Amino acid sequence: MLEGLVIDHVGIAVKSIEKALQLWNVGLGAKTGHRELVESQKVTVAFLETGEGKTELLEPTEADSPIAKFIEKKGEGIHHIAYRTPHLEDTMARLKKNGARLIYDTPQPGSHGTQINFVHPGSAGGVLIELVEYPTREELS
């Protein structure tokens, strides 16, 4: 179990973060927080401060990135819902044991120094679920 199942963020695929920020910052008043290039996922991300959970804008950096392929196939829009887990590998093992299909066999680097993986939409009622493990305070030191 994901200890309280806390939503970390909702990921939204966009062609241009700068263009999208016109709506989010100017129109809706959301404050832009952390921005980062996540090379392992071939995206630039911008996190918006939107209450307890965050909103993540994902802009592809390469034509073959998963986000570029998503936009090409489905257009801009909600890409995934991310949940925090304190022990990603344990969660992955539990999911596999219960028949869930994961996108990666091992955790991948994400933004903020996190480790991530995804539950395939075919195992989750059509929803792409991201699992996020943040580094411990000791790891940040």
N, C-alpha and C. Protein backbone atom coordinates (compact mmCIF):
# COMPACT_ATOMS: atom_id res chain seq x y z
N MET A 1 0.84 -1.19 0.00
CA MET A 1 0.00 0.00 0.00
C MET A 1 0.88 1.25 0.00
N LEU A 2 0.44 2.31 -0.63
CA LEU A 2 1.24 3.51 -0.76
C LEU A 2 1.09 4.47 0.41
N GLU A 3 1.05 3.96 1.62
CA GLU A 3 1.01 4.78 2.83
C GLU A 3 0.26 6.09 2.64
N GLY A 4 -1.05 6.03 2.58
CA GLY A 4 -1.86 7.23 2.47
C GLY A 4 -2.16 7.65 1.04
N LEU A 5 -1.54 7.01 0.07
CA LEU A 5 -1.76 7.30 -1.34
C LEU A 5 -1.90 8.80 -1.60
N VAL A 6 -0.80 9.50 -1.59
CA VAL A 6 -0.77 10.95 -1.77
C VAL A 6 -0.45 11.28 -3.22
N ILE A 7 -1.31 12.11 -3.81
CA ILE A 7 -1.02 12.58 -5.16
C ILE A 7 0.14 13.56 -5.09
N ASP A 8 1.18 13.30 -5.85
CA ASP A 8 2.32 14.20 -5.91
C ASP A 8 2.06 15.29 -6.95
N HIS A 9 1.64 14.87 -8.14
CA HIS A 9 1.35 15.85 -9.19
C HIS A 9 0.53 15.22 -10.31
N VAL A 10 -0.02 16.09 -11.14
CA VAL A 10 -0.68 15.69 -12.38
C VAL A 10 0.20 16.21 -13.50
N GLY A 11 0.58 15.32 -14.42
CA GLY A 11 1.45 15.70 -15.54
C GLY A 11 0.62 16.05 -16.77
N ILE A 12 0.94 17.20 -17.36
CA ILE A 12 0.23 17.66 -18.55
C ILE A 12 1.23 17.85 -19.68
N ALA A 13 1.01 17.14 -20.78
CA ALA A 13 1.88 17.24 -21.96
C ALA A 13 1.53 18.51 -22.74
N VAL A 14 2.55 19.30 -23.04
CA VAL A 14 2.36 20.54 -23.80
C VAL A 14 3.44 20.64 -24.87
N LYS A 15 3.11 21.34 -25.94
CA LYS A 15 4.11 21.58 -26.99
C LYS A 15 5.10 22.63 -26.54
N SER A 16 4.64 23.62 -25.78
CA SER A 16 5.48 24.73 -25.33
C SER A 16 5.12 25.13 -23.91
N ILE A 17 6.07 24.99 -23.01
CA ILE A 17 5.84 25.42 -21.63
C ILE A 17 5.56 26.92 -21.59
N GLU A 18 6.33 27.69 -22.32
CA GLU A 18 6.15 29.15 -22.31
C GLU A 18 4.75 29.55 -22.74
N LYS A 19 4.24 28.92 -23.78
CA LYS A 19 2.89 29.21 -24.24
C LYS A 19 1.86 28.78 -23.20
N ALA A 20 2.05 27.60 -22.62
CA ALA A 20 1.12 27.09 -21.62
C ALA A 20 1.09 27.97 -20.37
N LEU A 21 2.22 28.57 -20.03
CA LEU A 21 2.28 29.41 -18.83
C LEU A 21 1.39 30.64 -18.94
N GLN A 22 1.06 31.05 -20.15
CA GLN A 22 0.14 32.17 -20.31
C GLN A 22 -1.20 31.84 -19.66
N LEU A 23 -1.67 30.63 -19.85
CA LEU A 23 -2.92 30.21 -19.21
C LEU A 23 -2.72 30.01 -17.71
N TRP A 24 -1.71 29.21 -17.36
CA TRP A 24 -1.53 28.81 -15.96
C TRP A 24 -1.13 29.97 -15.06
N ASN A 25 -0.16 30.79 -15.49
CA ASN A 25 0.30 31.91 -14.66
C ASN A 25 -0.63 33.11 -14.75
N VAL A 26 -0.86 33.58 -15.96
CA VAL A 26 -1.62 34.80 -16.16
C VAL A 26 -3.11 34.57 -15.95
N GLY A 27 -3.65 33.56 -16.63
CA GLY A 27 -5.08 33.32 -16.55
C GLY A 27 -5.56 32.74 -15.24
N LEU A 28 -4.82 31.74 -14.72
CA LEU A 28 -5.27 31.04 -13.51
C LEU A 28 -4.54 31.48 -12.25
N GLY A 29 -3.45 32.22 -12.40
CA GLY A 29 -2.73 32.72 -11.23
C GLY A 29 -1.83 31.73 -10.54
N ALA A 30 -1.51 30.62 -11.18
CA ALA A 30 -0.60 29.63 -10.58
C ALA A 30 0.84 30.16 -10.63
N LYS A 31 1.57 29.88 -9.58
CA LYS A 31 2.96 30.31 -9.50
C LYS A 31 3.86 29.19 -10.03
N THR A 32 4.80 29.56 -10.91
CA THR A 32 5.75 28.58 -11.43
C THR A 32 6.83 28.35 -10.39
N GLY A 33 7.08 27.07 -10.13
CA GLY A 33 8.12 26.69 -9.18
C GLY A 33 9.32 26.13 -9.93
N HIS A 34 9.71 24.94 -9.56
CA HIS A 34 10.90 24.26 -10.08
C HIS A 34 10.79 23.98 -11.57
N ARG A 35 11.88 24.26 -12.30
CA ARG A 35 11.99 23.89 -13.72
C ARG A 35 13.25 23.07 -13.89
N GLU A 36 13.17 22.09 -14.81
CA GLU A 36 14.32 21.19 -14.96
C GLU A 36 14.25 20.44 -16.28
N LEU A 37 15.43 20.15 -16.82
CA LEU A 37 15.55 19.25 -17.97
C LEU A 37 15.74 17.85 -17.39
N VAL A 38 14.88 16.92 -17.78
CA VAL A 38 14.98 15.53 -17.32
C VAL A 38 15.42 14.72 -18.54
N GLU A 39 16.72 14.54 -18.65
CA GLU A 39 17.29 13.90 -19.84
C GLU A 39 16.81 12.47 -20.03
N SER A 40 16.63 11.73 -18.93
CA SER A 40 16.21 10.33 -19.06
C SER A 40 14.83 10.20 -19.70
N GLN A 41 13.99 11.23 -19.60
CA GLN A 41 12.66 11.21 -20.17
C GLN A 41 12.53 12.11 -21.41
N LYS A 42 13.63 12.80 -21.76
CA LYS A 42 13.68 13.69 -22.92
C LYS A 42 12.60 14.77 -22.86
N VAL A 43 12.52 15.41 -21.67
CA VAL A 43 11.54 16.48 -21.46
C VAL A 43 12.14 17.60 -20.63
N THR A 44 11.55 18.77 -20.80
CA THR A 44 11.74 19.87 -19.87
C THR A 44 10.46 19.94 -19.07
N VAL A 45 10.58 20.11 -17.75
CA VAL A 45 9.41 20.18 -16.90
C VAL A 45 9.36 21.51 -16.17
N ALA A 46 8.16 21.97 -15.91
CA ALA A 46 7.93 23.14 -15.07
C ALA A 46 6.83 22.75 -14.10
N PHE A 47 7.12 22.88 -12.81
CA PHE A 47 6.13 22.56 -11.80
C PHE A 47 5.41 23.83 -11.38
N LEU A 48 4.10 23.71 -11.27
CA LEU A 48 3.26 24.82 -10.84
C LEU A 48 2.79 24.55 -9.42
N GLU A 49 2.83 25.58 -8.60
CA GLU A 49 2.35 25.45 -7.23
C GLU A 49 0.83 25.53 -7.28
N THR A 50 0.17 24.41 -7.09
CA THR A 50 -1.29 24.34 -7.20
C THR A 50 -1.87 23.63 -5.98
N GLY A 51 -1.56 24.13 -4.80
CA GLY A 51 -2.09 23.53 -3.57
C GLY A 51 -1.22 22.41 -3.08
N GLU A 52 -1.85 21.41 -2.45
CA GLU A 52 -1.08 20.31 -1.88
C GLU A 52 -0.37 19.49 -2.93
N GLY A 53 -1.04 19.23 -4.05
CA GLY A 53 -0.40 18.55 -5.17
C GLY A 53 0.09 19.59 -6.16
N LYS A 54 1.01 19.21 -6.99
CA LYS A 54 1.54 20.13 -8.00
C LYS A 54 0.98 19.77 -9.37
N THR A 55 1.13 20.68 -10.30
CA THR A 55 0.84 20.43 -11.70
C THR A 55 2.16 20.49 -12.42
N GLU A 56 2.45 19.49 -13.25
CA GLU A 56 3.72 19.42 -13.97
C GLU A 56 3.43 19.59 -15.46
N LEU A 57 4.05 20.61 -16.05
CA LEU A 57 3.98 20.78 -17.50
C LEU A 57 5.18 20.07 -18.10
N LEU A 58 4.95 19.24 -19.12
CA LEU A 58 6.02 18.46 -19.75
C LEU A 58 6.12 18.85 -21.21
N GLU A 59 7.28 19.36 -21.60
CA GLU A 59 7.54 19.74 -22.99
C GLU A 59 8.62 18.82 -23.55
N PRO A 60 8.35 18.16 -24.67
CA PRO A 60 9.36 17.25 -25.22
C PRO A 60 10.59 18.01 -25.71
N THR A 61 11.75 17.40 -25.52
CA THR A 61 12.99 17.99 -26.03
C THR A 61 13.47 17.31 -27.30
N GLU A 62 12.90 16.13 -27.59
CA GLU A 62 13.28 15.39 -28.80
C GLU A 62 12.03 14.78 -29.42
N ALA A 63 12.05 14.63 -30.72
CA ALA A 63 10.89 14.11 -31.46
C ALA A 63 10.55 12.67 -31.09
N ASP A 64 11.52 11.91 -30.56
CA ASP A 64 11.25 10.52 -30.21
C ASP A 64 10.96 10.33 -28.72
N SER A 65 10.75 11.42 -28.00
CA SER A 65 10.47 11.29 -26.57
C SER A 65 9.06 10.76 -26.36
N PRO A 66 8.82 10.10 -25.22
CA PRO A 66 7.47 9.62 -24.94
C PRO A 66 6.42 10.74 -24.97
N ILE A 67 6.78 11.93 -24.52
CA ILE A 67 5.82 13.04 -24.50
C ILE A 67 5.54 13.53 -25.92
N ALA A 68 6.56 13.59 -26.76
CA ALA A 68 6.34 13.99 -28.16
C ALA A 68 5.42 12.99 -28.85
N LYS A 69 5.64 11.71 -28.60
CA LYS A 69 4.79 10.67 -29.19
C LYS A 69 3.35 10.77 -28.67
N PHE A 70 3.21 11.06 -27.39
CA PHE A 70 1.88 11.22 -26.79
C PHE A 70 1.14 12.39 -27.46
N ILE A 71 1.82 13.53 -27.59
CA ILE A 71 1.19 14.71 -28.20
C ILE A 71 0.83 14.43 -29.66
N GLU A 72 1.71 13.74 -30.36
CA GLU A 72 1.44 13.42 -31.77
C GLU A 72 0.19 12.54 -31.89
N LYS A 73 0.05 11.59 -30.98
CA LYS A 73 -1.06 10.64 -31.05
C LYS A 73 -2.37 11.20 -30.47
N LYS A 74 -2.27 11.89 -29.33
CA LYS A 74 -3.48 12.30 -28.61
C LYS A 74 -3.66 13.81 -28.47
N GLY A 75 -2.62 14.58 -28.80
CA GLY A 75 -2.68 16.02 -28.59
C GLY A 75 -2.24 16.38 -27.19
N GLU A 76 -2.18 17.67 -26.92
CA GLU A 76 -1.81 18.13 -25.59
C GLU A 76 -2.89 17.74 -24.59
N GLY A 77 -2.48 17.52 -23.37
CA GLY A 77 -3.46 17.20 -22.34
C GLY A 77 -2.87 16.41 -21.20
N ILE A 78 -3.76 15.91 -20.34
CA ILE A 78 -3.31 15.15 -19.17
C ILE A 78 -2.58 13.90 -19.63
N HIS A 79 -1.38 13.73 -19.12
CA HIS A 79 -0.54 12.61 -19.49
C HIS A 79 -0.51 11.53 -18.40
N HIS A 80 -0.39 11.96 -17.13
CA HIS A 80 -0.31 11.00 -16.04
C HIS A 80 -0.71 11.61 -14.71
N ILE A 81 -0.97 10.73 -13.74
CA ILE A 81 -1.15 11.12 -12.35
C ILE A 81 -0.03 10.46 -11.57
N ALA A 82 0.67 11.24 -10.76
CA ALA A 82 1.81 10.71 -10.01
C ALA A 82 1.49 10.59 -8.53
N TYR A 83 1.90 9.47 -7.95
CA TYR A 83 1.72 9.21 -6.53
C TYR A 83 3.09 9.01 -5.88
N ARG A 84 3.22 9.52 -4.67
CA ARG A 84 4.46 9.34 -3.90
C ARG A 84 4.49 7.95 -3.28
N THR A 85 5.67 7.38 -3.26
CA THR A 85 5.88 6.13 -2.54
C THR A 85 7.22 6.24 -1.82
N PRO A 86 7.28 5.82 -0.55
CA PRO A 86 8.54 5.92 0.18
C PRO A 86 9.57 4.86 -0.23
N HIS A 87 9.09 3.78 -0.86
CA HIS A 87 9.98 2.68 -1.24
C HIS A 87 9.58 2.18 -2.62
N LEU A 88 10.12 2.81 -3.65
CA LEU A 88 9.71 2.52 -5.02
C LEU A 88 9.92 1.06 -5.40
N GLU A 89 11.08 0.50 -5.09
CA GLU A 89 11.33 -0.89 -5.49
C GLU A 89 10.37 -1.86 -4.82
N ASP A 90 10.01 -1.62 -3.55
CA ASP A 90 9.03 -2.47 -2.87
C ASP A 90 7.66 -2.35 -3.55
N THR A 91 7.28 -1.12 -3.89
CA THR A 91 6.00 -0.90 -4.56
C THR A 91 5.99 -1.58 -5.92
N MET A 92 7.11 -1.47 -6.66
CA MET A 92 7.20 -2.12 -7.95
C MET A 92 7.05 -3.64 -7.81
N ALA A 93 7.72 -4.22 -6.83
CA ALA A 93 7.65 -5.67 -6.62
C ALA A 93 6.22 -6.10 -6.30
N ARG A 94 5.55 -5.34 -5.44
CA ARG A 94 4.17 -5.66 -5.08
C ARG A 94 3.26 -5.57 -6.30
N LEU A 95 3.43 -4.54 -7.10
CA LEU A 95 2.62 -4.39 -8.31
C LEU A 95 2.84 -5.54 -9.28
N LYS A 96 4.12 -5.89 -9.51
CA LYS A 96 4.43 -7.00 -10.42
C LYS A 96 3.83 -8.30 -9.92
N LYS A 97 3.95 -8.53 -8.61
CA LYS A 97 3.42 -9.76 -8.00
C LYS A 97 1.91 -9.85 -8.22
N ASN A 98 1.25 -8.70 -8.28
CA ASN A 98 -0.20 -8.67 -8.46
C ASN A 98 -0.61 -8.48 -9.91
N GLY A 99 0.34 -8.68 -10.83
CA GLY A 99 0.01 -8.70 -12.25
C GLY A 99 0.07 -7.38 -13.00
N ALA A 100 0.49 -6.32 -12.34
CA ALA A 100 0.57 -5.02 -13.02
C ALA A 100 1.78 -4.98 -13.96
N ARG A 101 1.62 -4.31 -15.06
CA ARG A 101 2.71 -4.12 -16.03
C ARG A 101 3.35 -2.76 -15.78
N LEU A 102 4.67 -2.75 -15.59
CA LEU A 102 5.41 -1.51 -15.39
C LEU A 102 6.11 -1.12 -16.69
N ILE A 103 6.33 0.16 -16.87
CA ILE A 103 6.99 0.65 -18.08
C ILE A 103 8.48 0.27 -18.07
N TYR A 104 9.13 0.40 -16.91
CA TYR A 104 10.56 0.11 -16.79
C TYR A 104 10.78 -1.05 -15.82
N ASP A 105 11.84 -1.82 -16.06
CA ASP A 105 12.19 -2.91 -15.15
C ASP A 105 12.85 -2.40 -13.88
N THR A 106 13.51 -1.25 -13.96
CA THR A 106 14.21 -0.67 -12.82
C THR A 106 13.82 0.80 -12.68
N PRO A 107 13.96 1.37 -11.48
CA PRO A 107 13.65 2.79 -11.30
C PRO A 107 14.51 3.66 -12.23
N GLN A 108 13.93 4.78 -12.65
CA GLN A 108 14.60 5.72 -13.55
C GLN A 108 14.75 7.06 -12.84
N PRO A 109 15.78 7.86 -13.22
CA PRO A 109 15.91 9.18 -12.61
C PRO A 109 14.81 10.12 -13.08
N GLY A 110 14.24 10.87 -12.13
CA GLY A 110 13.23 11.87 -12.44
C GLY A 110 13.68 13.25 -11.98
N SER A 111 12.79 14.21 -11.98
CA SER A 111 13.14 15.56 -11.54
C SER A 111 13.30 15.58 -10.02
N HIS A 112 13.89 16.63 -9.49
CA HIS A 112 14.09 16.82 -8.05
C HIS A 112 14.94 15.72 -7.41
N GLY A 113 15.73 14.99 -8.20
CA GLY A 113 16.54 13.91 -7.66
C GLY A 113 15.74 12.67 -7.30
N THR A 114 14.54 12.55 -7.85
CA THR A 114 13.67 11.42 -7.54
C THR A 114 14.03 10.19 -8.36
N GLN A 115 13.45 9.08 -7.96
CA GLN A 115 13.45 7.84 -8.73
C GLN A 115 11.99 7.61 -9.11
N ILE A 116 11.76 7.19 -10.35
CA ILE A 116 10.39 7.05 -10.85
C ILE A 116 10.20 5.75 -11.62
N ASN A 117 8.96 5.39 -11.79
CA ASN A 117 8.54 4.35 -12.72
C ASN A 117 7.07 4.61 -13.03
N PHE A 118 6.55 3.92 -14.02
CA PHE A 118 5.17 4.11 -14.43
C PHE A 118 4.46 2.77 -14.48
N VAL A 119 3.19 2.79 -14.09
CA VAL A 119 2.31 1.64 -14.27
C VAL A 119 1.62 1.83 -15.62
N HIS A 120 1.73 0.82 -16.47
CA HIS A 120 1.16 0.90 -17.81
C HIS A 120 -0.36 1.12 -17.73
N PRO A 121 -0.91 1.98 -18.60
CA PRO A 121 -2.36 2.22 -18.58
C PRO A 121 -3.20 0.96 -18.74
N GLY A 122 -2.66 -0.05 -19.42
CA GLY A 122 -3.39 -1.31 -19.59
C GLY A 122 -3.61 -2.04 -18.28
N SER A 123 -2.80 -1.73 -17.28
CA SER A 123 -2.94 -2.35 -15.95
C SER A 123 -3.67 -1.44 -14.98
N ALA A 124 -4.04 -0.25 -15.43
CA ALA A 124 -4.59 0.75 -14.50
C ALA A 124 -5.83 1.44 -15.05
N GLY A 125 -6.67 0.69 -15.72
CA GLY A 125 -7.92 1.25 -16.21
C GLY A 125 -7.77 2.38 -17.20
N GLY A 126 -6.70 2.34 -17.98
CA GLY A 126 -6.48 3.37 -19.00
C GLY A 126 -5.74 4.60 -18.52
N VAL A 127 -5.31 4.61 -17.25
CA VAL A 127 -4.61 5.77 -16.68
C VAL A 127 -3.13 5.43 -16.54
N LEU A 128 -2.25 6.32 -17.02
CA LEU A 128 -0.82 6.17 -16.79
C LEU A 128 -0.53 6.69 -15.39
N ILE A 129 -0.01 5.82 -14.53
CA ILE A 129 0.32 6.20 -13.15
C ILE A 129 1.82 6.26 -13.01
N GLU A 130 2.30 7.39 -12.51
CA GLU A 130 3.72 7.52 -12.19
C GLU A 130 3.89 7.29 -10.70
N LEU A 131 4.93 6.56 -10.35
CA LEU A 131 5.31 6.34 -8.96
C LEU A 131 6.58 7.14 -8.71
N VAL A 132 6.61 7.91 -7.62
CA VAL A 132 7.71 8.83 -7.35
C VAL A 132 8.27 8.58 -5.96
N GLU A 133 9.57 8.34 -5.89
CA GLU A 133 10.25 8.23 -4.60
C GLU A 133 11.24 9.39 -4.49
N TYR A 134 11.04 10.23 -3.48
CA TYR A 134 11.95 11.35 -3.24
C TYR A 134 13.16 10.87 -2.47
N PRO A 135 14.31 11.52 -2.67
CA PRO A 135 15.49 11.14 -1.88
C PRO A 135 15.26 11.47 -0.41
N THR A 136 15.90 10.71 0.47
CA THR A 136 15.80 10.99 1.90
C THR A 136 16.67 12.20 2.23
N ARG A 137 16.45 12.76 3.39
CA ARG A 137 17.25 13.93 3.81
C ARG A 137 18.74 13.57 3.83
N GLU A 138 19.06 12.33 4.24
CA GLU A 138 20.46 11.90 4.29
C GLU A 138 21.07 11.89 2.90
N GLU A 139 20.27 11.45 1.90
CA GLU A 139 20.78 11.39 0.53
C GLU A 139 21.03 12.78 -0.03
N LEU A 140 20.28 13.77 0.46
CA LEU A 140 20.44 15.14 -0.03
C LEU A 140 21.65 15.82 0.56
N SER A 141 22.15 15.32 1.70
CA SER A 141 23.30 15.94 2.37
C SER A 141 24.59 15.66 1.67
